[in-house]
Amino acid sequence: MANPTTNYGFVLPTSSDLVTDLPADFDVALQGVDTRLKALQPGTTLGDLAYSSATANTNTRLGIGSTGQVLTVSGGVPAWATPASGSTFIGANATKTANQTISNVTITSLSFDGTDILDSNGFHDPASNNTRMTIPTGYGGKYLISANVQFAANVTGGRELYIRKNGSTDLQVIQSVVSSNTGSINMSISGTYALVANDYVEIRAYQSSGGSLDIWATNSGYTNCTSFQITYVGA
């Protein structure tokens, strides 16, 4: 009668044998055990990893990586890799090159036509749809949206800023009322929101001075008086 085998192919003595050659039988069995255990744990060096291969009951050895490397996937299997050098910042900071006139009691999206101070992944285009920060494909997650806006000096009415999503949903609004001793008004707005690929956000401004009022790009030699930022903060 043939010797029985286990799930892993270990050859065992046959229980129905009238005479069993135990040393020989166990020699065969233990050789099988050794072979299969090595297939399941192929490591040879401190820190090695093992992962399932395409062959049943067989693992593949991944040698320990070097200092500073990270575990990633390459070609569908685990691999060690060196992270890309430089900053891991994801986001953008856009500016204006010219003042923008805001009509009385009219909510207006602010344009940002200046050279982007930062833009890691094409969030902003100064030439096309330059009111928008758009989430690139593959970069959905939580984002900190912020802006600093400087209204020209005027002592009448109120000022408002909005963060708007996809041209229809106001995520946040802040308001300020000016007084007789108020010069130019600096306002900041910020908030953290979950966004998906192709979502876009804008900064919108409102003023009720009784006439048109400028948003300043520069003032008394100071540049970037008005700017718009987006920063990825996590999945």
Protein backbone atom coordinates (compact mmCIF):
# COMPACT_ATOMS: atom_id res chain seq x y z
CA MET A 1 0.00 0.00 0.00
CA ALA A 2 1.28 3.46 -0.87
CA ASN A 3 2.35 5.71 1.96
CA PRO A 4 -0.29 8.35 2.84
CA THR A 5 0.58 12.08 2.56
CA THR A 6 -0.57 15.19 4.40
CA ASN A 7 -1.91 18.42 2.85
CA TYR A 8 1.69 19.58 2.51
CA GLY A 9 2.93 16.34 0.93
CA PHE A 10 4.66 14.90 4.02
CA VAL A 11 5.07 11.12 3.49
CA LEU A 12 3.91 9.14 6.53
CA PRO A 13 4.28 5.47 7.49
CA THR A 14 1.41 3.29 6.32
CA SER A 15 -0.66 2.24 9.33
CA SER A 16 -1.71 -1.06 7.69
CA ASP A 17 1.84 -2.30 7.13
CA LEU A 18 2.48 -5.52 9.04
CA VAL A 19 6.11 -4.68 9.31
CA THR A 20 7.18 -1.07 9.41
CA ASP A 21 10.72 0.08 8.86
CA LEU A 22 10.41 3.00 11.26
CA PRO A 23 13.85 4.58 10.69
CA ALA A 24 13.38 4.60 6.93
CA ASP A 25 9.77 5.74 7.12
CA PHE A 26 10.56 8.63 9.47
CA ASP A 27 13.57 9.58 7.42
CA VAL A 28 11.30 10.00 4.38
CA ALA A 29 8.66 11.86 6.42
CA LEU A 30 11.07 14.27 8.05
CA GLN A 31 12.80 15.07 4.79
CA GLY A 32 9.41 16.06 3.43
CA VAL A 33 8.70 18.16 6.51
CA ASP A 34 12.03 19.94 6.13
CA THR A 35 11.43 20.63 2.43
CA ARG A 36 7.92 21.98 2.99
CA LEU A 37 8.82 24.13 5.98
CA LYS A 38 11.62 25.69 3.98
CA ALA A 39 9.15 26.45 1.20
CA LEU A 40 6.85 28.13 3.72
CA GLN A 41 9.64 30.05 5.44
CA PRO A 42 12.37 30.80 2.89
CA GLY A 43 14.11 33.48 4.97
CA THR A 44 17.88 33.28 5.37
CA THR A 45 18.76 36.62 6.95
CA LEU A 46 17.59 38.60 9.98
CA GLY A 47 14.73 40.84 8.84
CA ASP A 48 13.73 38.85 5.75
CA LEU A 49 10.03 38.75 4.85
CA ALA A 50 8.05 35.99 3.14
CA TYR A 51 5.02 36.39 0.89
CA SER A 52 2.75 33.92 -0.93
CA SER A 53 3.94 33.03 -4.38
CA ALA A 54 2.05 31.68 -7.37
CA THR A 55 3.07 28.14 -6.37
CA ALA A 56 0.82 26.46 -3.82
CA ASN A 57 2.34 25.96 -0.35
CA THR A 58 5.43 27.92 -1.36
CA ASN A 59 6.47 31.38 -0.21
CA THR A 60 8.95 33.79 -1.76
CA ARG A 61 11.75 35.42 0.21
CA LEU A 62 12.00 39.21 0.23
CA GLY A 63 15.39 40.16 1.60
CA ILE A 64 15.55 42.89 4.21
CA GLY A 65 15.67 46.39 2.76
CA SER A 66 18.22 49.07 3.54
CA THR A 67 17.94 52.02 5.94
CA GLY A 68 15.47 54.62 4.70
CA GLN A 69 13.67 52.33 2.26
CA VAL A 70 9.91 51.74 2.47
CA LEU A 71 7.82 48.66 1.65
CA THR A 72 5.81 49.10 -1.54
CA VAL A 73 4.38 47.01 -4.39
CA SER A 74 6.07 46.57 -7.76
CA GLY A 75 4.73 44.30 -10.48
CA GLY A 76 2.07 42.95 -8.12
CA VAL A 77 4.48 41.76 -5.42
CA PRO A 78 6.02 43.38 -2.32
CA ALA A 79 9.29 45.26 -2.84
CA TRP A 80 11.56 47.67 -1.02
CA ALA A 81 12.02 51.12 -2.55
CA THR A 82 13.68 54.42 -1.73
CA PRO A 83 11.14 57.25 -1.32
CA ALA A 84 11.31 60.05 -3.85
CA SER A 85 13.67 62.75 -2.69
CA GLY A 86 12.47 66.22 -1.78
CA SER A 87 9.29 67.53 -0.21
CA THR A 88 6.19 65.41 0.12
CA PHE A 89 3.99 68.53 0.14
CA ILE A 90 0.75 68.15 -1.79
CA GLY A 91 -1.17 71.31 -2.56
CA ALA A 92 -0.94 74.75 -4.11
CA ASN A 93 -0.71 78.46 -3.30
CA ALA A 94 -2.07 80.89 -5.91
CA THR A 95 -1.78 84.68 -6.13
CA LYS A 96 -3.12 87.67 -8.07
CA THR A 97 -1.22 90.04 -10.37
CA ALA A 98 -3.87 92.78 -10.50
CA ASN A 99 -6.63 94.23 -8.37
CA GLN A 100 -10.11 92.81 -8.93
CA THR A 101 -13.21 94.99 -8.77
CA ILE A 102 -16.17 93.62 -6.81
CA SER A 103 -19.53 95.19 -7.60
CA ASN A 104 -21.78 96.34 -4.77
CA VAL A 105 -23.86 93.55 -3.14
CA THR A 106 -22.63 90.98 -5.67
CA ILE A 107 -20.98 87.71 -4.65
CA THR A 108 -18.00 87.25 -6.96
CA SER A 109 -15.50 84.42 -7.42
CA LEU A 110 -11.94 85.67 -7.03
CA SER A 111 -9.49 85.07 -9.86
CA PHE A 112 -5.88 84.10 -9.21
CA ASP A 113 -3.85 84.86 -12.33
CA GLY A 114 -0.38 85.14 -10.81
CA THR A 115 2.44 82.64 -11.00
CA ASP A 116 1.65 79.93 -8.47
CA ILE A 117 4.05 80.07 -5.53
CA LEU A 118 3.51 76.33 -5.07
CA ASP A 119 1.61 73.72 -7.05
CA SER A 120 2.64 70.12 -6.49
CA ASN A 121 0.16 68.31 -8.73
CA GLY A 122 -1.62 70.74 -11.04
CA PHE A 123 -4.34 71.94 -8.66
CA HIS A 124 -4.49 75.39 -10.23
CA ASP A 125 -4.16 76.93 -13.69
CA PRO A 126 -3.49 80.69 -13.69
CA ALA A 127 -4.77 80.99 -17.28
CA SER A 128 -7.84 78.73 -17.41
CA ASN A 129 -10.61 78.57 -14.76
CA ASN A 130 -8.24 80.49 -12.52
CA THR A 131 -10.83 80.91 -9.77
CA ARG A 132 -10.54 77.19 -9.03
CA MET A 133 -8.42 74.75 -7.10
CA THR A 134 -9.27 71.33 -8.61
CA ILE A 135 -8.51 67.96 -7.01
CA PRO A 136 -6.32 65.87 -9.37
CA THR A 137 -7.13 62.27 -10.23
CA GLY A 138 -5.86 59.93 -7.52
CA TYR A 139 -5.68 62.60 -4.82
CA GLY A 140 -9.04 62.48 -3.11
CA GLY A 141 -8.92 63.05 0.67
CA LYS A 142 -9.10 65.72 3.34
CA TYR A 143 -7.92 69.19 2.38
CA LEU A 144 -7.27 72.41 4.27
CA ILE A 145 -8.66 75.28 2.20
CA SER A 146 -7.57 78.79 3.14
CA ALA A 147 -7.36 82.29 1.73
CA ASN A 148 -6.29 85.78 2.73
CA VAL A 149 -8.13 88.65 1.04
CA GLN A 150 -7.51 92.40 1.29
CA PHE A 151 -10.36 94.77 0.50
CA ALA A 152 -9.54 98.36 -0.44
CA ALA A 153 -10.15 101.00 2.23
CA ASN A 154 -13.79 101.96 2.67
CA VAL A 155 -15.78 102.77 5.82
CA THR A 156 -19.23 101.65 4.66
CA GLY A 157 -21.11 98.39 4.75
CA GLY A 158 -19.98 94.82 5.30
CA ARG A 159 -17.58 92.31 3.81
CA GLU A 160 -17.98 88.56 3.37
CA LEU A 161 -15.84 85.65 2.19
CA TYR A 162 -17.08 82.23 1.08
CA ILE A 163 -15.48 78.86 0.35
CA ARG A 164 -17.60 77.33 -2.39
CA LYS A 165 -17.46 73.75 -3.75
CA ASN A 166 -18.24 72.82 -7.35
CA GLY A 167 -19.92 76.14 -8.06
CA SER A 168 -23.01 75.35 -5.97
CA THR A 169 -22.30 74.55 -2.31
CA ASP A 170 -21.01 77.09 0.21
CA LEU A 171 -18.83 75.22 2.68
CA GLN A 172 -18.07 78.21 4.88
CA VAL A 173 -18.73 81.95 5.17
CA ILE A 174 -17.27 84.69 7.36
CA GLN A 175 -18.53 88.26 7.74
CA SER A 176 -17.10 91.59 8.87
CA VAL A 177 -18.73 94.98 9.42
CA VAL A 178 -16.56 98.07 8.85
CA SER A 179 -16.61 101.23 10.93
CA SER A 180 -15.61 104.86 10.53
CA ASN A 181 -12.03 104.18 11.67
CA THR A 182 -11.50 101.20 9.37
CA GLY A 183 -8.89 101.33 6.63
CA SER A 184 -8.32 98.45 4.25
CA ILE A 185 -9.87 95.22 5.46
CA ASN A 186 -7.83 92.00 5.67
CA MET A 187 -9.96 88.88 5.99
CA SER A 188 -8.93 85.24 6.25
CA ILE A 189 -11.03 82.11 5.85
CA SER A 190 -10.11 78.46 6.27
CA GLY A 191 -11.61 75.03 6.77
CA THR A 192 -10.87 71.32 6.27
CA TYR A 193 -13.12 69.32 3.94
CA ALA A 194 -13.35 65.90 2.27
CA LEU A 195 -12.94 66.23 -1.49
CA VAL A 196 -12.74 63.74 -4.35
CA ALA A 197 -11.03 63.85 -7.73
CA ASN A 198 -12.38 66.64 -9.99
CA ASP A 199 -14.06 68.50 -7.13
CA TYR A 200 -13.09 72.16 -7.21
CA VAL A 201 -13.23 74.94 -4.65
CA GLU A 202 -13.31 78.71 -5.05
CA ILE A 203 -13.03 81.78 -2.84
CA ARG A 204 -15.91 84.22 -3.28
CA ALA A 205 -16.16 87.76 -1.98
CA TYR A 206 -19.03 90.11 -1.21
CA GLN A 207 -19.15 93.76 -0.19
CA SER A 208 -21.91 96.29 0.48
CA SER A 209 -20.05 99.61 0.45
CA GLY A 210 -22.61 101.24 -1.84
CA GLY A 211 -20.37 101.11 -4.91
CA SER A 212 -17.69 99.02 -6.54
CA LEU A 213 -14.72 98.08 -4.36
CA ASP A 214 -11.37 96.53 -5.21
CA ILE A 215 -9.73 93.41 -3.90
CA TRP A 216 -6.03 94.27 -3.77
CA ALA A 217 -3.27 92.16 -5.28
CA THR A 218 -0.58 94.51 -3.95
CA ASN A 219 -0.63 97.40 -1.51
CA SER A 220 2.11 99.93 -0.71
CA GLY A 221 4.82 97.66 -2.10
CA TYR A 222 3.52 94.53 -0.39
CA THR A 223 2.86 91.73 -2.84
CA ASN A 224 0.44 88.80 -2.51
CA CYS A 225 -2.06 90.72 -0.39
CA THR A 226 -4.66 88.26 -1.64
CA SER A 227 -3.83 84.55 -1.96
CA PHE A 228 -5.55 81.15 -2.08
CA GLN A 229 -4.16 77.90 -0.64
CA ILE A 230 -5.06 74.23 -0.71
CA THR A 231 -3.16 71.62 1.33
CA TYR A 232 -3.67 67.85 1.48
CA VAL A 233 -3.87 66.71 5.11
CA GLY A 234 -4.72 63.01 4.78
CA ALA A 235 -6.98 60.33 3.32
